[in-house]
Amino acid sequence: MNFKQYFSGLSVSLIIAGIALLIAPFLPIGSVVIAILIGILIGNFIKLPSHTTNGITFAEKSILSFAIALMGINLDFSILIQLGFKTLVLITLGMIVTIYTAVLLGKFFKIDTKLALLLGIGNGVCGSSAIGAAAPIIKPNKDFIALSVAIVNLLGTIGIFLVPFIAYSIGFNDIDSGILVGNTLQAVGQVTAGGFAISDSAGISATTVKMGRVLLLTPLIFILIYIFHSKSEESTTKAKVPLFIIFFILFSLISSFSLVNEQIKSIISTASHLSLVIAMSAIGLKIHFNAIKNDGKTALKIASLVFIVQIIFSIGFLLVF
C-alpha cells in the first residue's frame, strides 16, 4: 500500500475526529455525531483537493471495518445470566418489533428500505455502533448512514429526559424504570444518563438491560448477512462472513471468557471508539445537503414513530408481565 496516496485524506479525517473528541464533553450528542456533522459542513462548504479522495475512502471503509472488529470487546455474554428470562424476552421482542416497525413505516412512507432498516437497527440495538456494524453488510447509500446516525442520536438525547419522566408518570418502581430506560434509549451513554438520573438502582438496571441489547448485535449481524447475501447476485454460492465480523466475534469471546484484563479491554474499546469517530468523519465528508434535504424529514418522522412504538411496547410488556 502506497501510504502517500492516503495521507492527505486520512489527515483530514483525523483532524475532524480530533475536533469532535475535543467538543464532545461539552455537548450531549456524542463524538460520533459531531464528527459526522463537521464532516458534512466541510464537505459541502470547502472544496477538498482530489488527492484527498483515496484517504477519505480508506477511512470510510477500512477504518470502519477495523472499528467494528474491535467493538466486540464491549460484549460480555455473561451479562445474559444477570438479566433473567423475562427481561431477555422483553429485549429480544423489543428489538424485533422496533426493526420490523421501521421497515413497515419505510414502505408506508415510500423511502428506501435500507434507510428504514438502519433507523430501526439504530433505535432497536445500540445507536451509532449498530448502524456502523450493519452498514458494510447492508451497503446503503452513504448519505443514509450519516442521516440515520444523526436522527437516532437526536431522539436518544431527547429520550434522556423523556423516558424517565414517562416512567415516573406511570408510577414504575426504580427497577422497572431502569428496564424501560435500558430497553428504549439508543446509546450506552444516554442509558447511563437517563437511568442514574432516576436512582442508582435504576441506573444499574438500565445499564444491564442495555448491555443485553448490545449483545443482540451479534445474531443480528448474522441474520443480515444471510438476508442480504440471499438477495445478491451471488446467492447461489455459500454466504461468506466478512473478516471484520469474524474478529468481532473473536473479541466478544475474549471479553466473555475474561481472557484479557480490564486495562487491555479498555485500550481495545477506546481504539474501537476512536476508529469509529474517524470513519464517521470520512462518511460525513461525502454527504451532500441535497440528499439529507430529500430524505431527512421523512426519516425523522419514521424514526420518531419507531421510538414511540418502542416505548409503548416496553411499557405494555412491563405492565402485563
C-alpha atoms as a PDB file:
ATOM      1  CA  MET A   1       0.000   0.000   0.000  1.00  0.00           C
ATOM      2  CA  ASN A   2       1.374   3.384  -1.030  1.00  0.00           C
ATOM      3  CA  PHE A   3       0.750   5.413   2.123  1.00  0.00           C
ATOM      4  CA  LYS A   4       1.367   8.738   0.367  1.00  0.00           C
ATOM      5  CA  GLN A   5      -1.834   8.475  -1.664  1.00  0.00           C
ATOM      6  CA  TYR A   6      -3.850   8.071   1.544  1.00  0.00           C
ATOM      7  CA  PHE A   7      -2.049  10.595   3.733  1.00  0.00           C
ATOM      8  CA  SER A   8      -3.930  13.802   2.891  1.00  0.00           C
ATOM      9  CA  GLY A   9      -7.413  12.300   3.083  1.00  0.00           C
ATOM     10  CA  LEU A  10      -6.619  10.436   6.285  1.00  0.00           C
ATOM     11  CA  SER A  11      -5.215  13.645   7.771  1.00  0.00           C
ATOM     12  CA  VAL A  12      -8.472  15.497   7.084  1.00  0.00           C
ATOM     13  CA  SER A  13     -10.485  12.698   8.709  1.00  0.00           C
ATOM     14  CA  LEU A  14      -8.147  12.599  11.718  1.00  0.00           C
ATOM     15  CA  ILE A  15      -8.344  16.366  12.235  1.00  0.00           C
ATOM     16  CA  ILE A  16     -12.154  16.290  12.143  1.00  0.00           C
ATOM     17  CA  ALA A  17     -12.187  13.355  14.558  1.00  0.00           C
ATOM     18  CA  GLY A  18      -9.837  15.215  16.916  1.00  0.00           C
ATOM     19  CA  ILE A  19     -12.060  18.295  16.906  1.00  0.00           C
ATOM     20  CA  ALA A  20     -15.152  16.124  17.544  1.00  0.00           C
ATOM     21  CA  LEU A  21     -13.483  14.425  20.512  1.00  0.00           C
ATOM     22  CA  LEU A  22     -12.500  17.798  21.986  1.00  0.00           C
ATOM     23  CA  ILE A  23     -16.016  19.202  21.617  1.00  0.00           C
ATOM     24  CA  ALA A  24     -17.904  16.069  22.735  1.00  0.00           C
ATOM     25  CA  PRO A  25     -17.596  16.600  26.537  1.00  0.00           C
ATOM     26  CA  PHE A  26     -19.496  19.886  26.181  1.00  0.00           C
ATOM     27  CA  LEU A  27     -22.384  18.560  24.057  1.00  0.00           C
ATOM     28  CA  PRO A  28     -24.917  15.771  24.714  1.00  0.00           C
ATOM     29  CA  ILE A  29     -24.858  14.275  21.208  1.00  0.00           C
ATOM     30  CA  GLY A  30     -21.541  12.404  21.335  1.00  0.00           C
ATOM     31  CA  SER A  31     -18.330  12.494  19.318  1.00  0.00           C
ATOM     32  CA  VAL A  32     -19.593  10.220  16.519  1.00  0.00           C
ATOM     33  CA  VAL A  33     -22.477  12.544  15.620  1.00  0.00           C
ATOM     34  CA  ILE A  34     -20.285  15.631  15.983  1.00  0.00           C
ATOM     35  CA  ALA A  35     -17.727  14.086  13.620  1.00  0.00           C
ATOM     36  CA  ILE A  36     -20.392  13.402  11.007  1.00  0.00           C
ATOM     37  CA  LEU A  37     -21.820  16.928  11.287  1.00  0.00           C
ATOM     38  CA  ILE A  38     -18.400  18.586  10.971  1.00  0.00           C
ATOM     39  CA  GLY A  39     -17.614  16.327   8.024  1.00  0.00           C
ATOM     40  CA  ILE A  40     -20.858  17.291   6.295  1.00  0.00           C
ATOM     41  CA  LEU A  41     -20.180  21.012   6.798  1.00  0.00           C
ATOM     42  CA  ILE A  42     -16.623  20.771   5.457  1.00  0.00           C
ATOM     43  CA  GLY A  43     -17.638  18.513   2.575  1.00  0.00           C
ATOM     44  CA  ASN A  44     -20.357  20.935   1.456  1.00  0.00           C
ATOM     45  CA  PHE A  45     -18.676  24.293   2.029  1.00  0.00           C
ATOM     46  CA  ILE A  46     -14.993  23.555   1.350  1.00  0.00           C
ATOM     47  CA  LYS A  47     -13.829  22.044  -1.929  1.00  0.00           C
ATOM     48  CA  LEU A  48     -11.262  19.469  -0.925  1.00  0.00           C
ATOM     49  CA  PRO A  49      -8.460  18.637  -3.386  1.00  0.00           C
ATOM     50  CA  SER A  50      -8.909  15.447  -5.428  1.00  0.00           C
ATOM     51  CA  HIS A  51      -5.844  13.821  -3.834  1.00  0.00           C
ATOM     52  CA  THR A  52      -7.763  13.546  -0.529  1.00  0.00           C
ATOM     53  CA  THR A  53     -10.285  11.099  -2.035  1.00  0.00           C
ATOM     54  CA  ASN A  54      -8.279   7.889  -1.534  1.00  0.00           C
ATOM     55  CA  GLY A  55      -7.559   8.589   2.121  1.00  0.00           C
ATOM     56  CA  ILE A  56     -11.153   9.545   2.887  1.00  0.00           C
ATOM     57  CA  THR A  57     -12.410   6.370   1.183  1.00  0.00           C
ATOM     58  CA  PHE A  58      -9.896   4.295   3.154  1.00  0.00           C
ATOM     59  CA  ALA A  59     -11.110   5.826   6.434  1.00  0.00           C
ATOM     60  CA  GLU A  60     -14.751   5.356   5.451  1.00  0.00           C
ATOM     61  CA  LYS A  61     -14.368   1.658   4.611  1.00  0.00           C
ATOM     62  CA  SER A  62     -11.245   0.055   6.101  1.00  0.00           C
ATOM     63  CA  ILE A  63     -11.104   2.002   9.359  1.00  0.00           C
ATOM     64  CA  LEU A  64     -14.845   1.447   9.863  1.00  0.00           C
ATOM     65  CA  SER A  65     -14.325  -2.315   9.488  1.00  0.00           C
ATOM     66  CA  PHE A  66     -11.430  -2.135  11.967  1.00  0.00           C
ATOM     67  CA  ALA A  67     -13.632  -0.252  14.460  1.00  0.00           C
ATOM     68  CA  ILE A  68     -16.395  -2.856  14.170  1.00  0.00           C
ATOM     69  CA  ALA A  69     -13.946  -5.733  14.666  1.00  0.00           C
ATOM     70  CA  LEU A  70     -12.631  -4.218  17.897  1.00  0.00           C
ATOM     71  CA  MET A  71     -16.176  -3.366  19.017  1.00  0.00           C
ATOM     72  CA  GLY A  72     -16.654  -6.986  20.058  1.00  0.00           C
ATOM     73  CA  ILE A  73     -14.533  -6.380  23.161  1.00  0.00           C
ATOM     74  CA  ASN A  74     -17.510  -4.486  24.638  1.00  0.00           C
ATOM     75  CA  LEU A  75     -19.678  -7.615  24.562  1.00  0.00           C
ATOM     76  CA  ASP A  76     -19.773  -9.850  27.612  1.00  0.00           C
ATOM     77  CA  PHE A  77     -22.275 -12.689  27.230  1.00  0.00           C
ATOM     78  CA  SER A  78     -22.169 -13.462  30.963  1.00  0.00           C
ATOM     79  CA  ILE A  79     -24.499 -10.460  31.339  1.00  0.00           C
ATOM     80  CA  LEU A  80     -27.295 -12.632  29.949  1.00  0.00           C
ATOM     81  CA  ILE A  81     -27.294 -14.605  33.211  1.00  0.00           C
ATOM     82  CA  GLN A  82     -27.951 -11.415  35.187  1.00  0.00           C
ATOM     83  CA  LEU A  83     -30.946 -10.396  33.083  1.00  0.00           C
ATOM     84  CA  GLY A  84     -33.321 -13.265  33.721  1.00  0.00           C
ATOM     85  CA  PHE A  85     -35.778 -14.862  31.296  1.00  0.00           C
ATOM     86  CA  LYS A  86     -38.469 -12.147  31.430  1.00  0.00           C
ATOM     87  CA  THR A  87     -36.051  -9.344  30.611  1.00  0.00           C
ATOM     88  CA  LEU A  88     -34.395 -11.395  27.856  1.00  0.00           C
ATOM     89  CA  VAL A  89     -37.799 -11.884  26.238  1.00  0.00           C
ATOM     90  CA  LEU A  90     -38.535  -8.149  26.520  1.00  0.00           C
ATOM     91  CA  ILE A  91     -35.177  -7.216  24.948  1.00  0.00           C
ATOM     92  CA  THR A  92     -35.496  -9.710  22.103  1.00  0.00           C
ATOM     93  CA  LEU A  93     -39.126  -8.906  21.262  1.00  0.00           C
ATOM     94  CA  GLY A  94     -38.412  -5.188  21.640  1.00  0.00           C
ATOM     95  CA  MET A  95     -35.664  -5.335  19.039  1.00  0.00           C
ATOM     96  CA  ILE A  96     -37.797  -7.361  16.614  1.00  0.00           C
ATOM     97  CA  VAL A  97     -40.792  -5.023  17.000  1.00  0.00           C
ATOM     98  CA  THR A  98     -38.619  -1.918  16.586  1.00  0.00           C
ATOM     99  CA  ILE A  99     -36.827  -3.059  13.431  1.00  0.00           C
ATOM    100  CA  TYR A 100     -39.970  -4.537  11.845  1.00  0.00           C
ATOM    101  CA  THR A 101     -41.933  -1.347  12.575  1.00  0.00           C
ATOM    102  CA  ALA A 102     -39.218   0.738  10.906  1.00  0.00           C
ATOM    103  CA  VAL A 103     -39.319  -1.411   7.764  1.00  0.00           C
ATOM    104  CA  LEU A 104     -43.143  -1.264   7.596  1.00  0.00           C
ATOM    105  CA  LEU A 105     -43.159   2.508   8.063  1.00  0.00           C
ATOM    106  CA  GLY A 106     -40.457   2.824   5.427  1.00  0.00           C
ATOM    107  CA  LYS A 107     -42.734   1.073   2.927  1.00  0.00           C
ATOM    108  CA  PHE A 108     -45.716   3.173   4.002  1.00  0.00           C
ATOM    109  CA  PHE A 109     -43.826   6.468   3.598  1.00  0.00           C
ATOM    110  CA  LYS A 110     -42.068   5.184   0.453  1.00  0.00           C
ATOM    111  CA  ILE A 111     -38.449   5.674   1.479  1.00  0.00           C
ATOM    112  CA  ASP A 112     -35.531   3.386   0.715  1.00  0.00           C
ATOM    113  CA  THR A 113     -35.830   0.130   2.690  1.00  0.00           C
ATOM    114  CA  LYS A 114     -32.150   0.264   3.639  1.00  0.00           C
ATOM    115  CA  LEU A 115     -32.576   3.687   5.250  1.00  0.00           C
ATOM    116  CA  ALA A 116     -35.628   2.450   7.167  1.00  0.00           C
ATOM    117  CA  LEU A 117     -33.684  -0.629   8.255  1.00  0.00           C
ATOM    118  CA  LEU A 118     -30.771   1.469   9.545  1.00  0.00           C
ATOM    119  CA  LEU A 119     -33.201   3.623  11.525  1.00  0.00           C
ATOM    120  CA  GLY A 120     -34.764   0.507  13.026  1.00  0.00           C
ATOM    121  CA  ILE A 121     -31.406  -1.069  13.863  1.00  0.00           C
ATOM    122  CA  GLY A 122     -30.115   2.160  15.403  1.00  0.00           C
ATOM    123  CA  ASN A 123     -33.222   2.504  17.561  1.00  0.00           C
ATOM    124  CA  GLY A 124     -33.542  -1.182  18.355  1.00  0.00           C
ATOM    125  CA  VAL A 125     -29.975  -2.156  19.249  1.00  0.00           C
ATOM    126  CA  CYS A 126     -27.288   0.368  20.155  1.00  0.00           C
ATOM    127  CA  GLY A 127     -27.393   3.544  18.088  1.00  0.00           C
ATOM    128  CA  SER A 128     -24.313   4.566  16.106  1.00  0.00           C
ATOM    129  CA  SER A 129     -22.392   1.351  16.768  1.00  0.00           C
ATOM    130  CA  ALA A 130     -25.174  -0.855  15.427  1.00  0.00           C
ATOM    131  CA  ILE A 131     -25.627   1.343  12.356  1.00  0.00           C
ATOM    132  CA  GLY A 132     -21.882   1.282  11.739  1.00  0.00           C
ATOM    133  CA  ALA A 133     -21.744  -2.507  12.111  1.00  0.00           C
ATOM    134  CA  ALA A 134     -24.746  -3.121   9.857  1.00  0.00           C
ATOM    135  CA  ALA A 135     -23.784  -0.671   7.111  1.00  0.00           C
ATOM    136  CA  PRO A 136     -20.994  -2.745   5.446  1.00  0.00           C
ATOM    137  CA  ILE A 137     -23.408  -5.682   5.205  1.00  0.00           C
ATOM    138  CA  ILE A 138     -26.484  -3.756   4.053  1.00  0.00           C
ATOM    139  CA  LYS A 139     -24.421  -1.500   1.757  1.00  0.00           C
ATOM    140  CA  PRO A 140     -26.767   1.506   1.860  1.00  0.00           C
ATOM    141  CA  ASN A 141     -26.219   4.893   0.269  1.00  0.00           C
ATOM    142  CA  LYS A 142     -23.540   6.707   2.319  1.00  0.00           C
ATOM    143  CA  ASP A 143     -25.990   9.535   2.944  1.00  0.00           C
ATOM    144  CA  PHE A 144     -28.265   7.098   4.757  1.00  0.00           C
ATOM    145  CA  ILE A 145     -25.568   6.173   7.282  1.00  0.00           C
ATOM    146  CA  ALA A 146     -24.966   9.759   8.361  1.00  0.00           C
ATOM    147  CA  LEU A 147     -28.657  10.594   8.343  1.00  0.00           C
ATOM    148  CA  SER A 148     -29.654   7.599  10.468  1.00  0.00           C
ATOM    149  CA  VAL A 149     -26.815   8.155  12.971  1.00  0.00           C
ATOM    150  CA  ALA A 150     -27.757  11.816  13.405  1.00  0.00           C
ATOM    151  CA  ILE A 151     -31.502  11.160  13.787  1.00  0.00           C
ATOM    152  CA  VAL A 152     -31.170   8.184  16.142  1.00  0.00           C
ATOM    153  CA  ASN A 153     -28.794  10.112  18.402  1.00  0.00           C
ATOM    154  CA  LEU A 154     -31.081  13.144  18.395  1.00  0.00           C
ATOM    155  CA  LEU A 155     -34.009  11.004  19.559  1.00  0.00           C
ATOM    156  CA  GLY A 156     -31.838   9.301  22.175  1.00  0.00           C
ATOM    157  CA  THR A 157     -30.776  12.662  23.562  1.00  0.00           C
ATOM    158  CA  ILE A 158     -34.422  13.733  23.862  1.00  0.00           C
ATOM    159  CA  GLY A 159     -35.164  10.368  25.445  1.00  0.00           C
ATOM    160  CA  ILE A 160     -32.712  11.005  28.304  1.00  0.00           C
ATOM    161  CA  PHE A 161     -35.283  13.443  29.685  1.00  0.00           C
ATOM    162  CA  LEU A 162     -38.488  11.990  28.217  1.00  0.00           C
ATOM    163  CA  VAL A 163     -38.296   8.307  29.210  1.00  0.00           C
ATOM    164  CA  PRO A 164     -37.530   8.828  32.943  1.00  0.00           C
ATOM    165  CA  PHE A 165     -40.420  11.316  33.062  1.00  0.00           C
ATOM    166  CA  ILE A 166     -42.759   8.736  31.468  1.00  0.00           C
ATOM    167  CA  ALA A 167     -41.614   6.071  33.948  1.00  0.00           C
ATOM    168  CA  TYR A 168     -42.253   8.458  36.860  1.00  0.00           C
ATOM    169  CA  SER A 169     -45.699   9.430  35.489  1.00  0.00           C
ATOM    170  CA  ILE A 170     -46.769   5.790  35.191  1.00  0.00           C
ATOM    171  CA  GLY A 171     -45.557   5.050  38.714  1.00  0.00           C
ATOM    172  CA  PHE A 172     -42.934   2.426  37.874  1.00  0.00           C
ATOM    173  CA  ASN A 173     -40.575   1.387  40.660  1.00  0.00           C
ATOM    174  CA  ASP A 174     -36.858   2.064  40.219  1.00  0.00           C
ATOM    175  CA  ILE A 175     -36.062  -1.355  38.741  1.00  0.00           C
ATOM    176  CA  ASP A 176     -38.838  -1.223  36.117  1.00  0.00           C
ATOM    177  CA  SER A 177     -37.957   2.405  35.378  1.00  0.00           C
ATOM    178  CA  GLY A 178     -34.394   1.325  34.711  1.00  0.00           C
ATOM    179  CA  ILE A 179     -35.571  -1.518  32.479  1.00  0.00           C
ATOM    180  CA  LEU A 180     -37.713   0.923  30.475  1.00  0.00           C
ATOM    181  CA  VAL A 181     -34.768   3.303  30.042  1.00  0.00           C
ATOM    182  CA  GLY A 182     -32.375   0.480  29.145  1.00  0.00           C
ATOM    183  CA  ASN A 183     -34.736  -1.018  26.584  1.00  0.00           C
ATOM    184  CA  THR A 184     -35.586   2.212  24.744  1.00  0.00           C
ATOM    185  CA  LEU A 185     -32.681   4.660  24.694  1.00  0.00           C
ATOM    186  CA  GLN A 186     -30.120   4.118  21.949  1.00  0.00           C
ATOM    187  CA  ALA A 187     -26.548   4.797  23.126  1.00  0.00           C
ATOM    188  CA  VAL A 188     -24.934   3.436  26.291  1.00  0.00           C
ATOM    189  CA  GLY A 189     -24.127   6.965  27.465  1.00  0.00           C
ATOM    190  CA  GLN A 190     -27.759   8.013  27.042  1.00  0.00           C
ATOM    191  CA  VAL A 191     -28.956   4.985  29.007  1.00  0.00           C
ATOM    192  CA  THR A 192     -26.487   5.678  31.807  1.00  0.00           C
ATOM    193  CA  ALA A 193     -27.536   9.321  31.998  1.00  0.00           C
ATOM    194  CA  GLY A 194     -31.258   8.525  31.949  1.00  0.00           C
ATOM    195  CA  GLY A 195     -31.053   5.615  34.389  1.00  0.00           C
ATOM    196  CA  PHE A 196     -28.883   7.203  37.059  1.00  0.00           C
ATOM    197  CA  ALA A 197     -30.979  10.377  36.850  1.00  0.00           C
ATOM    198  CA  ILE A 198     -33.742   8.276  38.456  1.00  0.00           C
ATOM    199  CA  SER A 199     -31.652   6.451  41.073  1.00  0.00           C
ATOM    200  CA  ASP A 200     -28.567   4.256  41.458  1.00  0.00           C
ATOM    201  CA  SER A 201     -30.620   1.055  41.300  1.00  0.00           C
ATOM    202  CA  ALA A 202     -32.425   2.301  38.181  1.00  0.00           C
ATOM    203  CA  GLY A 203     -29.076   3.196  36.627  1.00  0.00           C
ATOM    204  CA  ILE A 204     -27.637  -0.272  37.260  1.00  0.00           C
ATOM    205  CA  SER A 205     -30.806  -1.922  35.947  1.00  0.00           C
ATOM    206  CA  ALA A 206     -30.839   0.288  32.837  1.00  0.00           C
ATOM    207  CA  THR A 207     -27.165  -0.324  32.048  1.00  0.00           C
ATOM    208  CA  THR A 208     -27.505  -4.110  32.429  1.00  0.00           C
ATOM    209  CA  VAL A 209     -30.540  -4.203  30.121  1.00  0.00           C
ATOM    210  CA  LYS A 210     -28.721  -2.020  27.614  1.00  0.00           C
ATOM    211  CA  MET A 211     -25.760  -4.390  27.579  1.00  0.00           C
ATOM    212  CA  GLY A 212     -28.218  -7.188  26.837  1.00  0.00           C
ATOM    213  CA  ARG A 213     -29.489  -5.247  23.821  1.00  0.00           C
ATOM    214  CA  VAL A 214     -25.936  -4.677  22.624  1.00  0.00           C
ATOM    215  CA  LEU A 215     -25.322  -8.435  22.737  1.00  0.00           C
ATOM    216  CA  LEU A 216     -28.140  -8.919  20.223  1.00  0.00           C
ATOM    217  CA  LEU A 217     -25.939  -7.166  17.667  1.00  0.00           C
ATOM    218  CA  THR A 218     -24.099 -10.463  17.113  1.00  0.00           C
ATOM    219  CA  PRO A 219     -27.093 -12.591  15.983  1.00  0.00           C
ATOM    220  CA  LEU A 220     -28.495  -9.589  14.103  1.00  0.00           C
ATOM    221  CA  ILE A 221     -25.305  -9.296  12.040  1.00  0.00           C
ATOM    222  CA  PHE A 222     -25.524 -12.950  11.009  1.00  0.00           C
ATOM    223  CA  ILE A 223     -29.204 -12.553  10.101  1.00  0.00           C
ATOM    224  CA  LEU A 224     -28.335  -9.537   7.935  1.00  0.00           C
ATOM    225  CA  ILE A 225     -25.505 -11.455   6.258  1.00  0.00           C
ATOM    226  CA  TYR A 226     -27.935 -14.256   5.411  1.00  0.00           C
ATOM    227  CA  ILE A 227     -30.692 -11.928   4.155  1.00  0.00           C
ATOM    228  CA  PHE A 228     -28.543  -9.641   2.038  1.00  0.00           C
ATOM    229  CA  HIS A 229     -26.416 -12.464   0.680  1.00  0.00           C
ATOM    230  CA  SER A 230     -29.516 -14.367  -0.474  1.00  0.00           C
ATOM    231  CA  LYS A 231     -30.731 -11.204  -2.253  1.00  0.00           C
ATOM    232  CA  SER A 232     -27.427 -10.656  -4.029  1.00  0.00           C
ATOM    233  CA  GLU A 233     -26.396 -11.992  -7.428  1.00  0.00           C
ATOM    234  CA  GLU A 234     -24.103 -14.449  -5.660  1.00  0.00           C
ATOM    235  CA  SER A 235     -26.978 -16.166  -3.847  1.00  0.00           C
ATOM    236  CA  THR A 236     -26.048 -19.498  -5.405  1.00  0.00           C
ATOM    237  CA  THR A 237     -22.710 -19.504  -3.585  1.00  0.00           C
ATOM    238  CA  LYS A 238     -22.096 -20.087   0.074  1.00  0.00           C
ATOM    239  CA  ALA A 239     -22.524 -16.991   2.254  1.00  0.00           C
ATOM    240  CA  LYS A 240     -19.142 -15.522   3.116  1.00  0.00           C
ATOM    241  CA  VAL A 241     -18.763 -13.986   6.562  1.00  0.00           C
ATOM    242  CA  PRO A 242     -16.694 -10.774   6.338  1.00  0.00           C
ATOM    243  CA  LEU A 243     -13.335 -10.903   8.108  1.00  0.00           C
ATOM    244  CA  PHE A 244     -14.204  -7.986  10.394  1.00  0.00           C
ATOM    245  CA  ILE A 245     -17.252  -9.916  11.657  1.00  0.00           C
ATOM    246  CA  ILE A 246     -15.056 -12.920  12.476  1.00  0.00           C
ATOM    247  CA  PHE A 247     -12.794 -10.673  14.551  1.00  0.00           C
ATOM    248  CA  PHE A 248     -15.867  -9.016  16.102  1.00  0.00           C
ATOM    249  CA  ILE A 249     -16.972 -12.442  17.368  1.00  0.00           C
ATOM    250  CA  LEU A 250     -13.415 -13.310  18.439  1.00  0.00           C
ATOM    251  CA  PHE A 251     -13.103 -10.178  20.563  1.00  0.00           C
ATOM    252  CA  SER A 252     -16.536 -10.791  22.105  1.00  0.00           C
ATOM    253  CA  LEU A 253     -15.407 -14.274  23.146  1.00  0.00           C
ATOM    254  CA  ILE A 254     -12.186 -12.832  24.578  1.00  0.00           C
ATOM    255  CA  SER A 255     -14.296 -10.463  26.667  1.00  0.00           C
ATOM    256  CA  SER A 256     -16.872 -13.072  27.709  1.00  0.00           C
ATOM    257  CA  PHE A 257     -14.259 -15.568  28.894  1.00  0.00           C
ATOM    258  CA  SER A 258     -12.112 -12.831  30.543  1.00  0.00           C
ATOM    259  CA  LEU A 259      -9.024 -13.796  28.520  1.00  0.00           C
ATOM    260  CA  VAL A 260      -7.523 -10.329  28.934  1.00  0.00           C
ATOM    261  CA  ASN A 261      -7.545  -7.951  31.893  1.00  0.00           C
ATOM    262  CA  GLU A 262      -9.747  -4.858  32.185  1.00  0.00           C
ATOM    263  CA  GLN A 263      -6.918  -2.492  31.255  1.00  0.00           C
ATOM    264  CA  ILE A 264      -6.349  -4.205  27.904  1.00  0.00           C
ATOM    265  CA  LYS A 265     -10.110  -4.360  27.277  1.00  0.00           C
ATOM    266  CA  SER A 266     -10.300  -0.623  27.952  1.00  0.00           C
ATOM    267  CA  ILE A 267      -7.486   0.079  25.468  1.00  0.00           C
ATOM    268  CA  ILE A 268      -9.165  -2.014  22.753  1.00  0.00           C
ATOM    269  CA  SER A 269     -12.545  -0.397  23.445  1.00  0.00           C
ATOM    270  CA  THR A 270     -11.004   3.080  23.205  1.00  0.00           C
ATOM    271  CA  ALA A 271      -9.272   2.155  19.935  1.00  0.00           C
ATOM    272  CA  SER A 272     -12.625   0.964  18.570  1.00  0.00           C
ATOM    273  CA  HIS A 273     -14.360   4.213  19.529  1.00  0.00           C
ATOM    274  CA  LEU A 274     -11.591   6.406  18.092  1.00  0.00           C
ATOM    275  CA  SER A 275     -11.622   4.412  14.851  1.00  0.00           C
ATOM    276  CA  LEU A 276     -15.399   4.778  14.613  1.00  0.00           C
ATOM    277  CA  VAL A 277     -15.151   8.553  15.046  1.00  0.00           C
ATOM    278  CA  ILE A 278     -12.508   8.743  12.288  1.00  0.00           C
ATOM    279  CA  ALA A 279     -14.624   6.597   9.952  1.00  0.00           C
ATOM    280  CA  MET A 280     -17.735   8.692  10.585  1.00  0.00           C
ATOM    281  CA  SER A 281     -15.719  11.868   9.888  1.00  0.00           C
ATOM    282  CA  ALA A 282     -14.894  10.431   6.460  1.00  0.00           C
ATOM    283  CA  ILE A 283     -18.504   9.393   5.839  1.00  0.00           C
ATOM    284  CA  GLY A 284     -19.634  12.927   6.725  1.00  0.00           C
ATOM    285  CA  LEU A 285     -17.212  14.392   4.175  1.00  0.00           C
ATOM    286  CA  LYS A 286     -19.012  12.524   1.391  1.00  0.00           C
ATOM    287  CA  ILE A 287     -22.532  13.583   2.343  1.00  0.00           C
ATOM    288  CA  HIS A 288     -24.315  16.272   0.336  1.00  0.00           C
ATOM    289  CA  PHE A 289     -27.019  18.551   1.731  1.00  0.00           C
ATOM    290  CA  ASN A 290     -29.419  17.690  -1.089  1.00  0.00           C
ATOM    291  CA  ALA A 291     -29.529  14.042  -0.024  1.00  0.00           C
ATOM    292  CA  ILE A 292     -30.268  14.998   3.587  1.00  0.00           C
ATOM    293  CA  LYS A 293     -32.870  17.526   2.477  1.00  0.00           C
ATOM    294  CA  ASN A 294     -34.648  14.962   0.293  1.00  0.00           C
ATOM    295  CA  ASP A 295     -34.880  12.195   2.893  1.00  0.00           C
ATOM    296  CA  GLY A 296     -34.368  13.977   6.215  1.00  0.00           C
ATOM    297  CA  LYS A 297     -37.923  14.955   7.136  1.00  0.00           C
ATOM    298  CA  THR A 298     -39.409  11.574   6.284  1.00  0.00           C
ATOM    299  CA  ALA A 299     -36.572   9.722   8.043  1.00  0.00           C
ATOM    300  CA  LEU A 300     -37.066  11.819  11.184  1.00  0.00           C
ATOM    301  CA  LYS A 301     -40.820  11.143  11.079  1.00  0.00           C
ATOM    302  CA  ILE A 302     -40.268   7.380  10.748  1.00  0.00           C
ATOM    303  CA  ALA A 303     -37.605   7.226  13.456  1.00  0.00           C
ATOM    304  CA  SER A 304     -39.813   9.237  15.832  1.00  0.00           C
ATOM    305  CA  LEU A 305     -42.761   6.895  15.283  1.00  0.00           C
ATOM    306  CA  VAL A 306     -40.480   3.888  15.765  1.00  0.00           C
ATOM    307  CA  PHE A 307     -39.196   5.364  19.033  1.00  0.00           C
ATOM    308  CA  ILE A 308     -42.777   5.897  20.233  1.00  0.00           C
ATOM    309  CA  VAL A 309     -43.713   2.301  19.355  1.00  0.00           C
ATOM    310  CA  GLN A 310     -40.588   1.085  21.134  1.00  0.00           C
ATOM    311  CA  ILE A 311     -41.541   2.959  24.313  1.00  0.00           C
ATOM    312  CA  ILE A 312     -45.212   1.863  24.191  1.00  0.00           C
ATOM    313  CA  PHE A 313     -44.250  -1.780  23.632  1.00  0.00           C
ATOM    314  CA  SER A 314     -41.803  -1.754  26.558  1.00  0.00           C
ATOM    315  CA  ILE A 315     -44.343  -0.102  28.879  1.00  0.00           C
ATOM    316  CA  GLY A 316     -47.048  -2.581  27.855  1.00  0.00           C
ATOM    317  CA  PHE A 317     -44.763  -5.557  28.444  1.00  0.00           C
ATOM    318  CA  LEU A 318     -43.721  -4.309  31.902  1.00  0.00           C
ATOM    319  CA  LEU A 319     -47.349  -3.613  32.904  1.00  0.00           C
ATOM    320  CA  VAL A 320     -48.620  -7.010  31.726  1.00  0.00           C
ATOM    321  CA  PHE A 321     -45.705  -9.199  32.867  1.00  0.00           C
END
